[in-house]
Protein backbone atom coordinates (compact mmCIF):
# COMPACT_ATOMS: atom_id res chain seq x y z
CA MET A 1 0.00 0.00 0.00
CA LYS A 2 2.89 2.38 0.80
CA ARG A 3 4.39 1.75 -2.63
CA TYR A 4 1.08 2.52 -4.28
CA ILE A 5 0.75 5.79 -2.37
CA PHE A 6 4.37 6.68 -3.21
CA TYR A 7 3.73 5.90 -6.88
CA VAL A 8 0.57 8.01 -7.00
CA LEU A 9 2.23 10.95 -5.23
CA LEU A 10 5.30 10.81 -7.46
CA MET A 11 3.19 10.73 -10.60
CA MET A 12 1.12 13.67 -9.36
CA LEU A 13 4.31 15.61 -8.67
CA ILE A 14 5.78 14.80 -12.06
CA PHE A 15 2.67 15.78 -13.96
CA SER A 16 2.07 18.93 -11.90
CA VAL A 17 5.47 20.53 -12.42
CA GLY A 18 6.52 22.03 -15.70
CA CYS A 19 9.95 22.27 -17.20
CA SER A 20 11.73 25.04 -15.38
CA SER A 21 15.16 26.39 -14.67
CA ASP A 22 14.49 26.63 -10.95
CA THR A 23 17.20 26.36 -8.40
CA ALA A 24 16.12 24.83 -5.13
CA GLY A 25 17.89 23.86 -2.00
CA THR A 26 17.02 22.35 1.32
CA GLY A 27 19.80 23.33 3.69
CA SER A 28 22.97 22.38 1.86
CA ASN A 29 21.13 20.27 -0.73
CA VAL A 30 21.28 21.41 -4.36
CA PHE A 31 18.69 20.94 -7.09
CA ARG A 32 19.21 22.79 -10.37
CA SER A 33 17.92 22.57 -13.91
CA ILE A 34 20.87 23.09 -16.20
CA SER A 35 21.43 23.60 -19.92
CA PRO A 36 23.03 20.92 -22.08
CA SER A 37 26.33 22.87 -22.17
CA GLU A 38 26.33 23.16 -18.36
CA ALA A 39 25.56 19.44 -18.14
CA LYS A 40 28.49 18.61 -20.42
CA ASP A 41 30.79 20.79 -18.23
CA ILE A 42 29.60 19.14 -15.01
CA MET A 43 30.04 15.70 -16.56
CA MET A 44 33.66 16.56 -17.34
CA LYS A 45 34.39 18.12 -13.92
CA LYS A 46 32.64 15.69 -11.56
CA SER A 47 34.07 12.22 -11.93
CA ASP A 48 31.56 10.82 -9.44
CA LEU A 49 28.51 12.23 -11.30
CA LEU A 50 25.93 9.59 -12.19
CA VAL A 51 23.91 10.41 -15.31
CA VAL A 52 20.53 8.69 -15.00
CA ASP A 53 18.25 8.36 -18.02
CA VAL A 54 14.69 7.88 -16.74
CA ARG A 55 12.98 7.47 -20.12
CA SER A 56 11.11 4.38 -21.30
CA PRO A 57 12.89 1.55 -23.15
CA LYS A 58 11.18 2.67 -26.39
CA GLU A 59 12.47 6.25 -25.96
CA LEU A 60 15.99 4.99 -25.30
CA LYS A 61 16.14 3.62 -28.85
CA SER A 62 16.37 7.21 -30.12
CA GLY A 63 19.79 7.56 -28.47
CA TYR A 64 21.31 8.13 -25.06
CA ILE A 65 24.10 10.12 -23.46
CA ASP A 66 27.36 8.16 -23.37
CA GLY A 67 28.06 6.89 -19.87
CA SER A 68 24.48 7.26 -18.64
CA VAL A 69 22.65 4.50 -16.81
CA PHE A 70 19.12 3.58 -17.81
CA ILE A 71 16.59 3.39 -14.97
CA PRO A 72 13.01 4.00 -16.13
CA ILE A 73 11.14 6.39 -13.86
CA TRP A 74 8.40 3.79 -13.36
CA GLU A 75 10.88 1.40 -11.74
CA ILE A 76 11.99 4.14 -9.35
CA ALA A 77 8.39 5.11 -8.58
CA GLN A 78 7.44 1.50 -7.90
CA GLY A 79 10.44 0.98 -5.62
CA ARG A 80 12.05 -1.65 -7.84
CA LYS A 81 15.13 0.53 -8.38
CA SER A 82 16.72 3.21 -6.24
CA LEU A 83 19.22 5.96 -6.81
CA PRO A 84 22.36 6.49 -4.74
CA ALA A 85 22.24 9.41 -2.34
CA ASP A 86 26.03 9.50 -1.89
CA ARG A 87 26.94 10.98 -5.26
CA PRO A 88 25.72 13.78 -7.53
CA LEU A 89 23.01 12.87 -10.03
CA LEU A 90 22.18 14.30 -13.45
CA LEU A 91 18.62 13.26 -14.34
CA VAL A 92 17.62 13.04 -18.01
CA CYS A 93 14.34 12.40 -19.82
CA ALA A 94 12.89 13.32 -23.22
CA ILE A 95 12.07 17.00 -22.62
CA GLY A 96 12.93 17.57 -18.96
CA GLY A 97 9.56 17.21 -17.22
CA ARG A 98 9.82 13.74 -15.69
CA SER A 99 13.42 14.26 -14.63
CA TYR A 100 12.49 17.64 -13.12
CA GLY A 101 9.66 16.11 -11.08
CA LEU A 102 11.88 13.28 -9.87
CA GLY A 103 14.66 15.72 -9.02
CA LYS A 104 12.32 17.88 -6.96
CA TYR A 105 11.07 14.80 -5.13
CA LEU A 106 14.58 13.51 -4.39
CA ASN A 107 15.70 16.96 -3.28
CA GLU A 108 12.81 17.13 -0.82
CA LYS A 109 13.79 13.67 0.47
CA GLY A 110 17.35 14.84 1.19
CA TRP A 111 19.45 13.86 -1.82
CA PRO A 112 22.37 16.30 -1.61
CA GLU A 113 23.20 17.17 -5.23
CA ILE A 114 20.81 16.77 -8.14
CA TYR A 115 20.84 18.30 -11.60
CA ASN A 116 18.06 18.14 -14.18
CA LEU A 117 18.87 18.38 -17.89
CA SER A 118 16.58 21.25 -18.87
CA GLY A 119 14.84 20.39 -22.13
CA GLY A 120 15.98 16.78 -21.85
CA ILE A 121 17.44 14.76 -24.70
CA ALA A 122 15.67 17.08 -27.16
CA ALA A 123 17.72 20.05 -25.91
CA TRP A 124 20.89 17.91 -25.89
CA ILE A 125 20.31 17.10 -29.58
CA ASN A 126 19.48 20.73 -30.42
CA ALA A 127 22.75 21.79 -28.79
CA GLY A 128 24.59 19.49 -31.23
CA LEU A 129 25.88 17.20 -28.49
CA PRO A 130 26.51 13.52 -29.31
CA LEU A 131 24.36 10.54 -28.48
CA LYS A 132 25.12 6.81 -28.51
CA TYR A 133 22.81 4.38 -30.28
């Protein structure tokens, strides 16, 4: 029952927030939506950064960021997969909405350093950055 409630609340959060470039913080926690160029810079500077692609398996076929790990948001919402809280995360989806909602949720739960790729994979492509297939 707790998982169901968590799933419903997470989905409500994801669908209620829009894509934004908000910066949020709870104490020393960081949550920021960043541009593709900022994401590329952070990926180069933070060796412990985990890039998490939360899209569906079907969406992944259109390409993914090299070095990212694939964990569909539904598996996180259902509690089948979890994300490490001991390293910075860069969350990625198709256009930035799902990853933004998940980032806000994780930030509120105490994850210390979370980045959202603003505009998602679509913005990454528009910035001319490479994808793997």
